[in-house]
Protein backbone atom coordinates (compact mmCIF):
# COMPACT_ATOMS: atom_id res chain seq x y z
CA GLN A 1 -124.29 66.16 104.05
CA VAL A 2 -127.44 64.82 106.17
CA GLN A 3 -126.36 63.68 110.09
CA LEU A 4 -128.64 61.89 112.24
CA VAL A 5 -128.62 62.44 115.73
CA GLU A 6 -129.97 60.20 118.18
CA SER A 7 -130.57 61.46 122.33
CA GLY A 8 -132.32 59.99 125.29
CA GLY A 9 -130.80 56.43 125.40
CA GLY A 10 -129.85 55.72 129.05
CA LEU A 11 -130.19 53.35 131.82
CA VAL A 12 -133.88 52.92 133.40
CA GLN A 13 -135.02 50.55 135.70
CA PRO A 14 -137.56 47.26 134.45
CA GLY A 15 -140.95 48.85 134.07
CA GLY A 16 -139.66 52.42 133.26
CA SER A 17 -139.74 54.26 130.27
CA LEU A 18 -137.57 56.35 127.87
CA ARG A 19 -138.00 58.72 124.93
CA LEU A 20 -135.32 58.53 121.98
CA SER A 21 -135.38 61.28 119.63
CA CYS A 22 -133.52 61.37 116.05
CA ALA A 23 -133.03 64.87 114.63
CA ALA A 24 -131.85 65.28 110.72
CA SER A 25 -129.89 67.98 109.93
CA GLY A 26 -128.11 69.44 106.26
CA SER A 27 -129.03 69.84 102.91
CA ILE A 28 -132.76 68.59 103.13
CA PHE A 29 -135.29 68.04 100.50
CA SER A 30 -137.97 65.88 101.85
CA ILE A 31 -137.67 63.11 104.20
CA ASN A 32 -139.61 59.68 103.71
CA ALA A 33 -139.80 56.77 105.82
CA MET A 34 -137.87 57.24 109.32
CA GLY A 35 -137.55 54.07 111.37
CA TRP A 36 -135.66 52.76 114.61
CA HIS A 37 -133.54 50.05 114.64
CA ARG A 38 -132.02 48.03 118.00
CA GLN A 39 -128.63 45.46 117.92
CA ALA A 40 -128.36 43.58 121.76
CA PRO A 41 -125.46 42.31 122.76
CA GLY A 42 -123.97 39.06 120.33
CA LYS A 43 -127.88 39.84 117.82
CA GLN A 44 -128.57 40.96 114.85
CA ARG A 45 -129.76 44.34 113.93
CA GLU A 46 -133.58 44.35 114.43
CA LEU A 47 -136.70 46.42 113.47
CA VAL A 48 -138.23 48.01 116.05
CA ALA A 49 -140.68 50.52 114.21
CA VAL A 50 -141.08 52.82 111.00
CA ILE A 51 -143.33 55.86 110.46
CA ALA A 52 -144.30 57.42 106.71
CA SER A 53 -143.95 60.78 105.62
CA GLY A 54 -147.99 60.54 106.18
CA GLY A 55 -147.46 59.43 109.24
CA SER A 56 -148.77 55.40 108.91
CA THR A 57 -146.29 53.00 111.18
CA VAL A 58 -145.60 49.47 111.71
CA TYR A 59 -144.27 47.55 114.53
CA ALA A 60 -142.03 44.94 115.32
CA ASP A 61 -144.00 42.25 117.92
CA SER A 62 -141.86 42.77 120.57
CA ALA A 63 -142.72 47.05 120.51
CA LYS A 64 -146.41 46.31 119.97
CA GLY A 65 -148.29 47.82 122.69
CA ARG A 66 -145.71 49.13 124.52
CA PHE A 67 -143.39 51.39 122.36
CA THR A 68 -144.97 54.56 120.35
CA ILE A 69 -142.85 55.66 117.20
CA SER A 70 -143.99 59.49 116.25
CA ARG A 71 -142.50 62.21 114.17
CA ASP A 72 -141.73 65.55 113.82
CA ASN A 73 -142.21 66.65 110.18
CA ALA A 74 -141.00 70.81 110.53
CA LYS A 75 -137.94 69.68 112.92
CA ASN A 76 -136.95 66.58 110.70
CA THR A 77 -137.60 64.68 113.96
CA VAL A 78 -138.27 61.09 114.72
CA TYR A 79 -139.31 59.86 118.05
CA LEU A 80 -139.29 56.33 120.16
CA GLN A 81 -141.84 56.12 123.51
CA MET A 82 -140.49 53.75 125.30
CA ASN A 83 -143.02 52.19 128.07
CA SER A 84 -142.78 48.93 130.30
CA LEU A 85 -139.24 48.40 129.67
CA LYS A 86 -138.04 44.97 129.74
CA PRO A 87 -134.44 43.43 130.23
CA GLU A 88 -134.47 42.05 127.00
CA ASP A 89 -134.78 45.75 125.28
CA THR A 90 -131.54 46.09 126.07
CA ALA A 91 -129.11 47.60 122.58
CA VAL A 92 -128.00 49.99 120.89
CA TYR A 93 -130.85 51.93 119.16
CA SER A 94 -130.17 53.79 115.84
CA CYS A 95 -132.88 55.47 113.48
CA ASN A 96 -132.39 56.29 109.71
CA ALA A 97 -134.18 57.38 107.40
CA GLY A 98 -134.69 58.08 103.67
CA VAL A 99 -134.11 61.24 102.94
CA VAL A 100 -134.16 63.14 99.29
CA VAL A 101 -131.65 66.12 99.11
CA PRO A 102 -131.64 69.27 97.20
CA SER A 103 -130.19 67.48 93.73
CA LEU A 104 -133.04 65.01 93.66
CA ARG A 105 -130.67 62.22 95.24
CA TYR A 106 -132.27 59.80 97.27
CA LEU A 107 -129.72 58.94 100.26
CA GLU A 108 -130.52 56.27 103.23
CA VAL A 109 -128.92 57.52 106.40
CA TRP A 110 -128.22 56.12 109.15
CA GLY A 111 -127.68 57.52 112.84
CA GLN A 112 -124.56 56.57 115.37
CA GLY A 113 -126.84 54.67 117.71
CA THR A 114 -127.66 55.13 121.19
CA LEU A 115 -127.60 52.95 123.97
CA VAL A 116 -130.47 51.75 126.29
CA THR A 117 -129.83 49.64 129.40
CA VAL A 118 -132.56 47.74 130.79
CA SER A 119 -131.57 46.68 134.72
CA SER A 120 -132.49 47.19 138.19
């Protein structure tokens, strides 16, 4: 069984920064792409950023220039550094990952999410 656990959410003032972490644990052979998504109240979930196993990244337009996704493959962890936060960034942020387990099955795994609130 594979789990993703996020941390780092909280309350921050507009213009502030937060760093989210998402650690994968369990029976893992390898991890392909890892990503961050968010869902604001009353809105659909949207992709924020994705990072491939080799380090290539893709960002939503809303995240470009302010957010940076990175990963530590040795720790099976993905990060999201968020700078210049705006009230409209308020949402539950969830990570997901494409995981290959030792039986060579491919699983898409989701974390429970962490709340980010941007408010003065």
